[in-house]
């Protein structure tokens, strides 16, 4: 997942009382050749520097 996050721009940054949440979106290359659009969420707690992976889920592709 770290390679995925490094290859995609941050779509949303949100600051909370607990730290900062970063959301990325983009195509994820899979071993079987599929390329789903995926959203990942990362979090950096207030006094830390290293992001922690929180979740990932597929996005629907737009028609057209």
C-alpha atoms as a PDB file:
ATOM      1  CA  UNK A   1       0.000   0.000   0.000  1.00  0.00           C
ATOM      2  CA  UNK A   2       2.886   2.392   0.593  1.00  0.00           C
ATOM      3  CA  UNK A   3       3.851   2.215  -3.088  1.00  0.00           C
ATOM      4  CA  UNK A   4       0.234   2.937  -4.037  1.00  0.00           C
ATOM      5  CA  UNK A   5       0.091   5.972  -1.741  1.00  0.00           C
ATOM      6  CA  UNK A   6       3.395   7.308  -3.042  1.00  0.00           C
ATOM      7  CA  UNK A   7       2.217   6.974  -6.658  1.00  0.00           C
ATOM      8  CA  UNK A   8      -1.041   8.927  -6.172  1.00  0.00           C
ATOM      9  CA  UNK A   9      -1.698  12.504  -5.169  1.00  0.00           C
ATOM     10  CA  UNK A  10      -3.541  13.301  -1.969  1.00  0.00           C
ATOM     11  CA  UNK A  11      -7.187  14.000  -2.835  1.00  0.00           C
ATOM     12  CA  UNK A  12      -8.334  15.232   0.580  1.00  0.00           C
ATOM     13  CA  UNK A  13      -6.559  16.390   3.747  1.00  0.00           C
ATOM     14  CA  UNK A  14      -8.540  16.739   6.963  1.00  0.00           C
ATOM     15  CA  UNK A  15      -7.192  17.989  10.291  1.00  0.00           C
ATOM     16  CA  UNK A  16      -8.869  16.716  13.451  1.00  0.00           C
ATOM     17  CA  UNK A  17      -8.197  17.045  17.161  1.00  0.00           C
ATOM     18  CA  UNK A  18      -6.343  13.712  16.957  1.00  0.00           C
ATOM     19  CA  UNK A  19      -4.167  14.364  13.900  1.00  0.00           C
ATOM     20  CA  UNK A  20      -4.375  14.602  10.116  1.00  0.00           C
ATOM     21  CA  UNK A  21      -6.224  12.254   7.754  1.00  0.00           C
ATOM     22  CA  UNK A  22      -5.096  11.910   4.130  1.00  0.00           C
ATOM     23  CA  UNK A  23      -7.172  10.346   1.350  1.00  0.00           C
ATOM     24  CA  UNK A  24      -5.757   9.164  -1.985  1.00  0.00           C
ATOM     25  CA  UNK A  25      -7.615   7.854  -5.021  1.00  0.00           C
ATOM     26  CA  UNK A  26      -6.395   6.048  -8.099  1.00  0.00           C
ATOM     27  CA  UNK A  27      -5.937   2.816 -10.012  1.00  0.00           C
ATOM     28  CA  UNK A  28      -4.522  -0.155  -8.126  1.00  0.00           C
ATOM     29  CA  UNK A  29      -2.648  -2.703 -10.244  1.00  0.00           C
ATOM     30  CA  UNK A  30      -3.456  -6.239  -9.054  1.00  0.00           C
ATOM     31  CA  UNK A  31      -1.583  -9.519  -9.613  1.00  0.00           C
ATOM     32  CA  UNK A  32      -4.360 -10.858 -11.868  1.00  0.00           C
ATOM     33  CA  UNK A  33      -4.319  -7.790 -14.133  1.00  0.00           C
ATOM     34  CA  UNK A  34      -7.448  -6.049 -12.902  1.00  0.00           C
ATOM     35  CA  UNK A  35      -7.084  -2.310 -12.268  1.00  0.00           C
ATOM     36  CA  UNK A  36      -9.832  -1.153  -9.866  1.00  0.00           C
ATOM     37  CA  UNK A  37     -10.188   2.457  -8.754  1.00  0.00           C
ATOM     38  CA  UNK A  38      -9.405   2.491  -5.031  1.00  0.00           C
ATOM     39  CA  UNK A  39      -9.609   5.057  -2.249  1.00  0.00           C
ATOM     40  CA  UNK A  40      -7.134   4.739   0.634  1.00  0.00           C
ATOM     41  CA  UNK A  41      -7.134   6.568   3.937  1.00  0.00           C
ATOM     42  CA  UNK A  42      -4.004   7.286   5.980  1.00  0.00           C
ATOM     43  CA  UNK A  43      -3.694   8.985   9.369  1.00  0.00           C
ATOM     44  CA  UNK A  44      -0.865  10.792  11.142  1.00  0.00           C
ATOM     45  CA  UNK A  45      -1.450  11.199  14.858  1.00  0.00           C
ATOM     46  CA  UNK A  46      -0.780  14.636  16.357  1.00  0.00           C
ATOM     47  CA  UNK A  47       2.878  14.326  17.383  1.00  0.00           C
ATOM     48  CA  UNK A  48       3.975  11.586  14.957  1.00  0.00           C
ATOM     49  CA  UNK A  49       5.536  11.865  11.507  1.00  0.00           C
ATOM     50  CA  UNK A  50       4.799   8.452   9.982  1.00  0.00           C
ATOM     51  CA  UNK A  51       1.409   7.879   8.332  1.00  0.00           C
ATOM     52  CA  UNK A  52      -0.601   4.840   9.395  1.00  0.00           C
ATOM     53  CA  UNK A  53      -2.732   2.962   6.863  1.00  0.00           C
ATOM     54  CA  UNK A  54      -6.404   2.984   7.961  1.00  0.00           C
ATOM     55  CA  UNK A  55      -8.523   1.514   5.154  1.00  0.00           C
ATOM     56  CA  UNK A  56      -8.957   0.981   1.419  1.00  0.00           C
ATOM     57  CA  UNK A  57     -12.052   0.360  -0.630  1.00  0.00           C
ATOM     58  CA  UNK A  58     -13.014   0.221  -4.312  1.00  0.00           C
ATOM     59  CA  UNK A  59     -14.670   3.140  -6.059  1.00  0.00           C
ATOM     60  CA  UNK A  60     -17.210   2.888  -8.834  1.00  0.00           C
ATOM     61  CA  UNK A  61     -15.876   3.948 -12.208  1.00  0.00           C
ATOM     62  CA  UNK A  62     -17.864   6.658 -13.944  1.00  0.00           C
ATOM     63  CA  UNK A  63     -19.569   5.730 -17.206  1.00  0.00           C
ATOM     64  CA  UNK A  64     -18.140   7.200 -20.361  1.00  0.00           C
END
